[in-house]
Amino acid sequence: MLESGETKSITELAAREEIDNSYMFRMLNLTTLAPDIVAAILDETLPQHVTVHELAISPPLLWKEQRARIGVVGEELQD
């Protein structure tokens, strides 16, 4: 909706969807996660100490730093 111009801001999108602004911002943060971290969320294979809520709060921009934040060494999460 943002890309198509249906809404002009994240705040407007949150109001349209009838959700809290802070929740909308956290969910949008998830779109910046490394593909292997997203796959681990969907496959429910994240390390036990990591929650999606934690990942949604100010994730590092660099994928390597995201992996380090959750304690994963190397380039991708392992099964």
PDB file of N, CA and C in Angstrom:
ATOM      1  N   MET A   1       0.810  -1.182   0.000  1.00  0.00           N
ATOM      2  CA  MET A   1       0.000   0.000   0.000  1.00  0.00           C
ATOM      3  C   MET A   1       0.863   1.260   0.000  1.00  0.00           C
ATOM      4  N   LEU A   2       2.005   1.179   0.661  1.00  0.00           N
ATOM      5  CA  LEU A   2       2.920   2.310   0.616  1.00  0.00           C
ATOM      6  C   LEU A   2       3.506   2.469  -0.778  1.00  0.00           C
ATOM      7  N   GLU A   3       3.940   1.369  -1.365  1.00  0.00           N
ATOM      8  CA  GLU A   3       4.558   1.419  -2.685  1.00  0.00           C
ATOM      9  C   GLU A   3       3.581   1.864  -3.761  1.00  0.00           C
ATOM     10  N   SER A   4       2.338   1.463  -3.640  1.00  0.00           N
ATOM     11  CA  SER A   4       1.344   1.826  -4.658  1.00  0.00           C
ATOM     12  C   SER A   4       0.807   3.239  -4.477  1.00  0.00           C
ATOM     13  N   GLY A   5       1.091   3.848  -3.321  1.00  0.00           N
ATOM     14  CA  GLY A   5       0.609   5.194  -3.060  1.00  0.00           C
ATOM     15  C   GLY A   5      -0.764   5.247  -2.422  1.00  0.00           C
ATOM     16  N   GLU A   6      -1.326   4.078  -2.090  1.00  0.00           N
ATOM     17  CA  GLU A   6      -2.640   4.056  -1.444  1.00  0.00           C
ATOM     18  C   GLU A   6      -2.593   4.753  -0.093  1.00  0.00           C
ATOM     19  N   THR A   7      -1.454   4.638   0.582  1.00  0.00           N
ATOM     20  CA  THR A   7      -1.247   5.364   1.825  1.00  0.00           C
ATOM     21  C   THR A   7       0.055   6.145   1.685  1.00  0.00           C
ATOM     22  N   LYS A   8       0.143   7.263   2.411  1.00  0.00           N
ATOM     23  CA  LYS A   8       1.295   8.148   2.259  1.00  0.00           C
ATOM     24  C   LYS A   8       2.335   7.977   3.350  1.00  0.00           C
ATOM     25  N   SER A   9       1.992   7.268   4.407  1.00  0.00           N
ATOM     26  CA  SER A   9       2.944   7.093   5.499  1.00  0.00           C
ATOM     27  C   SER A   9       2.660   5.803   6.245  1.00  0.00           C
ATOM     28  N   ILE A  10       3.619   5.400   7.036  1.00  0.00           N
ATOM     29  CA  ILE A  10       3.443   4.207   7.864  1.00  0.00           C
ATOM     30  C   ILE A  10       2.354   4.451   8.897  1.00  0.00           C
ATOM     31  N   THR A  11       2.303   5.652   9.428  1.00  0.00           N
ATOM     32  CA  THR A  11       1.269   6.010  10.398  1.00  0.00           C
ATOM     33  C   THR A  11      -0.117   5.897   9.770  1.00  0.00           C
ATOM     34  N   GLU A  12      -0.250   6.373   8.535  1.00  0.00           N
ATOM     35  CA  GLU A  12      -1.532   6.279   7.829  1.00  0.00           C
ATOM     36  C   GLU A  12      -1.892   4.819   7.554  1.00  0.00           C
ATOM     37  N   LEU A  13      -0.902   4.018   7.198  1.00  0.00           N
ATOM     38  CA  LEU A  13      -1.139   2.598   6.957  1.00  0.00           C
ATOM     39  C   LEU A  13      -1.603   1.904   8.233  1.00  0.00           C
ATOM     40  N   ALA A  14      -0.965   2.216   9.350  1.00  0.00           N
ATOM     41  CA  ALA A  14      -1.359   1.621  10.629  1.00  0.00           C
ATOM     42  C   ALA A  14      -2.797   1.999  10.970  1.00  0.00           C
ATOM     43  N   ALA A  15      -3.155   3.248  10.756  1.00  0.00           N
ATOM     44  CA  ALA A  15      -4.527   3.693  11.039  1.00  0.00           C
ATOM     45  C   ALA A  15      -5.515   2.972  10.127  1.00  0.00           C
ATOM     46  N   ARG A  16      -5.156   2.828   8.869  1.00  0.00           N
ATOM     47  CA  ARG A  16      -6.032   2.141   7.918  1.00  0.00           C
ATOM     48  C   ARG A  16      -6.256   0.683   8.324  1.00  0.00           C
ATOM     49  N   GLU A  17      -5.197   0.036   8.817  1.00  0.00           N
ATOM     50  CA  GLU A  17      -5.287  -1.365   9.223  1.00  0.00           C
ATOM     51  C   GLU A  17      -5.779  -1.526  10.664  1.00  0.00           C
ATOM     52  N   GLU A  18      -5.998  -0.399  11.330  1.00  0.00           N
ATOM     53  CA  GLU A  18      -6.489  -0.367  12.707  1.00  0.00           C
ATOM     54  C   GLU A  18      -5.558  -1.110  13.664  1.00  0.00           C
ATOM     55  N   ILE A  19      -4.254  -0.815  13.519  1.00  0.00           N
ATOM     56  CA  ILE A  19      -3.259  -1.369  14.434  1.00  0.00           C
ATOM     57  C   ILE A  19      -2.382  -0.238  14.964  1.00  0.00           C
ATOM     58  N   ASP A  20      -1.722  -0.506  16.066  1.00  0.00           N
ATOM     59  CA  ASP A  20      -0.865   0.472  16.718  1.00  0.00           C
ATOM     60  C   ASP A  20       0.349   0.800  15.845  1.00  0.00           C
ATOM     61  N   ASN A  21       0.752   2.072  15.849  1.00  0.00           N
ATOM     62  CA  ASN A  21       1.921   2.493  15.063  1.00  0.00           C
ATOM     63  C   ASN A  21       3.163   1.701  15.411  1.00  0.00           C
ATOM     64  N   SER A  22       3.413   1.499  16.699  1.00  0.00           N
ATOM     65  CA  SER A  22       4.639   0.803  17.107  1.00  0.00           C
ATOM     66  C   SER A  22       4.647  -0.638  16.601  1.00  0.00           C
ATOM     67  N   TYR A  23       3.491  -1.277  16.580  1.00  0.00           N
ATOM     68  CA  TYR A  23       3.401  -2.644  16.051  1.00  0.00           C
ATOM     69  C   TYR A  23       3.710  -2.637  14.552  1.00  0.00           C
ATOM     70  N   MET A  24       3.169  -1.664  13.830  1.00  0.00           N
ATOM     71  CA  MET A  24       3.417  -1.563  12.391  1.00  0.00           C
ATOM     72  C   MET A  24       4.908  -1.383  12.121  1.00  0.00           C
ATOM     73  N   PHE A  25       5.565  -0.510  12.875  1.00  0.00           N
ATOM     74  CA  PHE A  25       6.994  -0.307  12.689  1.00  0.00           C
ATOM     75  C   PHE A  25       7.784  -1.572  12.976  1.00  0.00           C
ATOM     76  N   ARG A  26       7.425  -2.302  14.025  1.00  0.00           N
ATOM     77  CA  ARG A  26       8.127  -3.553  14.338  1.00  0.00           C
ATOM     78  C   ARG A  26       7.947  -4.566  13.214  1.00  0.00           C
ATOM     79  N   MET A  27       6.739  -4.684  12.686  1.00  0.00           N
ATOM     80  CA  MET A  27       6.499  -5.649  11.613  1.00  0.00           C
ATOM     81  C   MET A  27       7.269  -5.263  10.354  1.00  0.00           C
ATOM     82  N   LEU A  28       7.347  -3.982  10.065  1.00  0.00           N
ATOM     83  CA  LEU A  28       8.124  -3.545   8.898  1.00  0.00           C
ATOM     84  C   LEU A  28       9.610  -3.818   9.088  1.00  0.00           C
ATOM     85  N   ASN A  29      10.096  -3.742  10.324  1.00  0.00           N
ATOM     86  CA  ASN A  29      11.499  -4.076  10.596  1.00  0.00           C
ATOM     87  C   ASN A  29      11.816  -5.511  10.192  1.00  0.00           C
ATOM     88  N   LEU A  30      10.853  -6.395  10.301  1.00  0.00           N
ATOM     89  CA  LEU A  30      11.082  -7.795   9.942  1.00  0.00           C
ATOM     90  C   LEU A  30      11.400  -7.966   8.459  1.00  0.00           C
ATOM     91  N   THR A  31      10.999  -6.999   7.634  1.00  0.00           N
ATOM     92  CA  THR A  31      11.263  -7.098   6.195  1.00  0.00           C
ATOM     93  C   THR A  31      12.735  -6.880   5.862  1.00  0.00           C
ATOM     94  N   THR A  32      13.526  -6.436   6.841  1.00  0.00           N
ATOM     95  CA  THR A  32      14.953  -6.200   6.595  1.00  0.00           C
ATOM     96  C   THR A  32      15.829  -7.367   7.045  1.00  0.00           C
ATOM     97  N   LEU A  33      15.212  -8.426   7.545  1.00  0.00           N
ATOM     98  CA  LEU A  33      15.989  -9.558   8.048  1.00  0.00           C
ATOM     99  C   LEU A  33      16.596 -10.380   6.925  1.00  0.00           C
ATOM    100  N   ALA A  34      17.720 -11.006   7.226  1.00  0.00           N
ATOM    101  CA  ALA A  34      18.394 -11.893   6.276  1.00  0.00           C
ATOM    102  C   ALA A  34      17.452 -13.025   5.863  1.00  0.00           C
ATOM    103  N   PRO A  35      17.529 -13.455   4.614  1.00  0.00           N
ATOM    104  CA  PRO A  35      16.629 -14.514   4.135  1.00  0.00           C
ATOM    105  C   PRO A  35      16.665 -15.787   4.972  1.00  0.00           C
ATOM    106  N   ASP A  36      17.841 -16.178   5.468  1.00  0.00           N
ATOM    107  CA  ASP A  36      17.915 -17.397   6.272  1.00  0.00           C
ATOM    108  C   ASP A  36      17.241 -17.215   7.626  1.00  0.00           C
ATOM    109  N   ILE A  37      17.242 -15.996   8.147  1.00  0.00           N
ATOM    110  CA  ILE A  37      16.549 -15.742   9.413  1.00  0.00           C
ATOM    111  C   ILE A  37      15.043 -15.785   9.190  1.00  0.00           C
ATOM    112  N   VAL A  38      14.587 -15.220   8.079  1.00  0.00           N
ATOM    113  CA  VAL A  38      13.153 -15.284   7.739  1.00  0.00           C
ATOM    114  C   VAL A  38      12.728 -16.740   7.579  1.00  0.00           C
ATOM    115  N   ALA A  39      13.548 -17.533   6.882  1.00  0.00           N
ATOM    116  CA  ALA A  39      13.237 -18.955   6.699  1.00  0.00           C
ATOM    117  C   ALA A  39      13.164 -19.667   8.044  1.00  0.00           C
ATOM    118  N   ALA A  40      14.074 -19.333   8.961  1.00  0.00           N
ATOM    119  CA  ALA A  40      14.066 -19.957  10.293  1.00  0.00           C
ATOM    120  C   ALA A  40      12.810 -19.580  11.073  1.00  0.00           C
ATOM    121  N   ILE A  41      12.327 -18.348  10.896  1.00  0.00           N
ATOM    122  CA  ILE A  41      11.077 -17.938  11.536  1.00  0.00           C
ATOM    123  C   ILE A  41       9.935 -18.788  10.990  1.00  0.00           C
ATOM    124  N   LEU A  42       9.847 -18.876   9.677  1.00  0.00           N
ATOM    125  CA  LEU A  42       8.754 -19.620   9.035  1.00  0.00           C
ATOM    126  C   LEU A  42       8.821 -21.113   9.316  1.00  0.00           C
ATOM    127  N   ASP A  43      10.046 -21.643   9.410  1.00  0.00           N
ATOM    128  CA  ASP A  43      10.233 -23.074   9.677  1.00  0.00           C
ATOM    129  C   ASP A  43      10.227 -23.402  11.169  1.00  0.00           C
ATOM    130  N   GLU A  44      10.119 -22.349  11.987  1.00  0.00           N
ATOM    131  CA  GLU A  44      10.149 -22.495  13.449  1.00  0.00           C
ATOM    132  C   GLU A  44      11.435 -23.161  13.922  1.00  0.00           C
ATOM    133  N   THR A  45      12.566 -22.737  13.330  1.00  0.00           N
ATOM    134  CA  THR A  45      13.857 -23.308  13.695  1.00  0.00           C
ATOM    135  C   THR A  45      14.829 -22.270  14.258  1.00  0.00           C
ATOM    136  N   LEU A  46      14.313 -21.121  14.687  1.00  0.00           N
ATOM    137  CA  LEU A  46      15.166 -20.135  15.342  1.00  0.00           C
ATOM    138  C   LEU A  46      15.734 -20.753  16.620  1.00  0.00           C
ATOM    139  N   PRO A  47      16.922 -20.310  17.021  1.00  0.00           N
ATOM    140  CA  PRO A  47      17.421 -20.769  18.332  1.00  0.00           C
ATOM    141  C   PRO A  47      16.376 -20.461  19.404  1.00  0.00           C
ATOM    142  N   GLN A  48      16.262 -21.327  20.386  1.00  0.00           N
ATOM    143  CA  GLN A  48      15.205 -21.214  21.390  1.00  0.00           C
ATOM    144  C   GLN A  48      15.205 -19.893  22.147  1.00  0.00           C
ATOM    145  N   HIS A  49      16.371 -19.293  22.313  1.00  0.00           N
ATOM    146  CA  HIS A  49      16.458 -18.053  23.084  1.00  0.00           C
ATOM    147  C   HIS A  49      16.028 -16.813  22.291  1.00  0.00           C
ATOM    148  N   VAL A  50      15.724 -16.975  21.003  1.00  0.00           N
ATOM    149  CA  VAL A  50      15.385 -15.838  20.130  1.00  0.00           C
ATOM    150  C   VAL A  50      13.885 -15.802  19.870  1.00  0.00           C
ATOM    151  N   THR A  51      13.309 -14.615  19.991  1.00  0.00           N
ATOM    152  CA  THR A  51      11.894 -14.452  19.674  1.00  0.00           C
ATOM    153  C   THR A  51      11.736 -13.499  18.495  1.00  0.00           C
ATOM    154  N   VAL A  52      10.657 -13.647  17.778  1.00  0.00           N
ATOM    155  CA  VAL A  52      10.369 -12.757  16.653  1.00  0.00           C
ATOM    156  C   VAL A  52      10.220 -11.331  17.167  1.00  0.00           C
ATOM    157  N   HIS A  53       9.625 -11.183  18.332  1.00  0.00           N
ATOM    158  CA  HIS A  53       9.468  -9.847  18.921  1.00  0.00           C
ATOM    159  C   HIS A  53      10.831  -9.167  19.091  1.00  0.00           C
ATOM    160  N   GLU A  54      11.820  -9.903  19.594  1.00  0.00           N
ATOM    161  CA  GLU A  54      13.160  -9.341  19.752  1.00  0.00           C
ATOM    162  C   GLU A  54      13.773  -8.964  18.408  1.00  0.00           C
ATOM    163  N   LEU A  55      13.556  -9.795  17.402  1.00  0.00           N
ATOM    164  CA  LEU A  55      14.104  -9.522  16.078  1.00  0.00           C
ATOM    165  C   LEU A  55      13.468  -8.287  15.442  1.00  0.00           C
ATOM    166  N   ALA A  56      12.246  -7.991  15.812  1.00  0.00           N
ATOM    167  CA  ALA A  56      11.520  -6.867  15.222  1.00  0.00           C
ATOM    168  C   ALA A  56      11.918  -5.521  15.815  1.00  0.00           C
ATOM    169  N   ILE A  57      12.639  -5.533  16.921  1.00  0.00           N
ATOM    170  CA  ILE A  57      13.027  -4.289  17.573  1.00  0.00           C
ATOM    171  C   ILE A  57      14.427  -3.894  17.121  1.00  0.00           C
ATOM    172  N   SER A  58      14.518  -2.866  16.334  1.00  0.00           N
ATOM    173  CA  SER A  58      15.790  -2.293  15.864  1.00  0.00           C
ATOM    174  C   SER A  58      16.787  -3.334  15.370  1.00  0.00           C
ATOM    175  N   PRO A  59      16.422  -4.125  14.373  1.00  0.00           N
ATOM    176  CA  PRO A  59      17.402  -5.103  13.869  1.00  0.00           C
ATOM    177  C   PRO A  59      18.568  -4.392  13.183  1.00  0.00           C
ATOM    178  N   PRO A  60      19.784  -4.923  13.317  1.00  0.00           N
ATOM    179  CA  PRO A  60      20.915  -4.345  12.587  1.00  0.00           C
ATOM    180  C   PRO A  60      20.639  -4.410  11.083  1.00  0.00           C
ATOM    181  N   LEU A  61      21.186  -3.470  10.346  1.00  0.00           N
ATOM    182  CA  LEU A  61      20.970  -3.462   8.902  1.00  0.00           C
ATOM    183  C   LEU A  61      21.763  -4.549   8.186  1.00  0.00           C
ATOM    184  N   LEU A  62      22.971  -4.832   8.683  1.00  0.00           N
ATOM    185  CA  LEU A  62      23.805  -5.837   8.029  1.00  0.00           C
ATOM    186  C   LEU A  62      23.382  -7.243   8.460  1.00  0.00           C
ATOM    187  N   TRP A  63      23.231  -8.126   7.491  1.00  0.00           N
ATOM    188  CA  TRP A  63      22.793  -9.492   7.798  1.00  0.00           C
ATOM    189  C   TRP A  63      23.778 -10.197   8.712  1.00  0.00           C
ATOM    190  N   LYS A  64      25.065  -9.963   8.519  1.00  0.00           N
ATOM    191  CA  LYS A  64      26.082 -10.585   9.365  1.00  0.00           C
ATOM    192  C   LYS A  64      25.873 -10.171  10.823  1.00  0.00           C
ATOM    193  N   GLU A  65      25.544  -8.903  11.050  1.00  0.00           N
ATOM    194  CA  GLU A  65      25.296  -8.411  12.404  1.00  0.00           C
ATOM    195  C   GLU A  65      23.992  -8.977  12.968  1.00  0.00           C
ATOM    196  N   GLN A  66      23.002  -9.206  12.116  1.00  0.00           N
ATOM    197  CA  GLN A  66      21.755  -9.832  12.565  1.00  0.00           C
ATOM    198  C   GLN A  66      22.038 -11.238  13.069  1.00  0.00           C
ATOM    199  N   ARG A  67      22.825 -11.975  12.303  1.00  0.00           N
ATOM    200  CA  ARG A  67      23.169 -13.346  12.699  1.00  0.00           C
ATOM    201  C   ARG A  67      23.958 -13.349  14.006  1.00  0.00           C
ATOM    202  N   ALA A  68      24.890 -12.413  14.146  1.00  0.00           N
ATOM    203  CA  ALA A  68      25.678 -12.327  15.369  1.00  0.00           C
ATOM    204  C   ALA A  68      24.785 -11.986  16.558  1.00  0.00           C
ATOM    205  N   ARG A  69      23.798 -11.146  16.347  1.00  0.00           N
ATOM    206  CA  ARG A  69      22.888 -10.750  17.424  1.00  0.00           C
ATOM    207  C   ARG A  69      22.130 -11.942  17.991  1.00  0.00           C
ATOM    208  N   ILE A  70      21.783 -12.883  17.120  1.00  0.00           N
ATOM    209  CA  ILE A  70      21.045 -14.045  17.624  1.00  0.00           C
ATOM    210  C   ILE A  70      21.962 -15.209  17.951  1.00  0.00           C
ATOM    211  N   GLY A  71      23.272 -14.977  17.807  1.00  0.00           N
ATOM    212  CA  GLY A  71      24.234 -15.985  18.219  1.00  0.00           C
ATOM    213  C   GLY A  71      24.551 -17.018  17.174  1.00  0.00           C
ATOM    214  N   VAL A  72      24.337 -16.678  15.905  1.00  0.00           N
ATOM    215  CA  VAL A  72      24.641 -17.616  14.826  1.00  0.00           C
ATOM    216  C   VAL A  72      25.980 -17.222  14.224  1.00  0.00           C
ATOM    217  N   VAL A  73      26.902 -18.172  14.144  1.00  0.00           N
ATOM    218  CA  VAL A  73      28.210 -17.919  13.569  1.00  0.00           C
ATOM    219  C   VAL A  73      28.190 -18.441  12.143  1.00  0.00           C
ATOM    220  N   GLY A  74      28.773 -17.699  11.242  1.00  0.00           N
ATOM    221  CA  GLY A  74      28.805 -18.121   9.844  1.00  0.00           C
ATOM    222  C   GLY A  74      27.821 -17.311   9.024  1.00  0.00           C
ATOM    223  N   GLU A  75      27.662 -17.683   7.807  1.00  0.00           N
ATOM    224  CA  GLU A  75      26.859 -16.915   6.874  1.00  0.00           C
ATOM    225  C   GLU A  75      25.379 -17.232   6.892  1.00  0.00           C
ATOM    226  N   GLU A  76      25.006 -18.438   7.313  1.00  0.00           N
ATOM    227  CA  GLU A  76      23.590 -18.791   7.306  1.00  0.00           C
ATOM    228  C   GLU A  76      23.255 -19.655   8.501  1.00  0.00           C
ATOM    229  N   LEU A  77      21.996 -19.610   8.872  1.00  0.00           N
ATOM    230  CA  LEU A  77      21.518 -20.500   9.940  1.00  0.00           C
ATOM    231  C   LEU A  77      21.625 -21.935   9.476  1.00  0.00           C
ATOM    232  N   GLN A  78      21.956 -22.809  10.380  1.00  0.00           N
ATOM    233  CA  GLN A  78      22.041 -24.232  10.066  1.00  0.00           C
ATOM    234  C   GLN A  78      20.836 -24.955  10.655  1.00  0.00           C
ATOM    235  N   ASP A  79      20.357 -25.974   9.968  1.00  0.00           N
ATOM    236  CA  ASP A  79      19.237 -26.771  10.472  1.00  0.00           C
ATOM    237  C   ASP A  79      19.644 -27.606  11.658  1.00  0.00           C
TER     238      ASP A  79
END
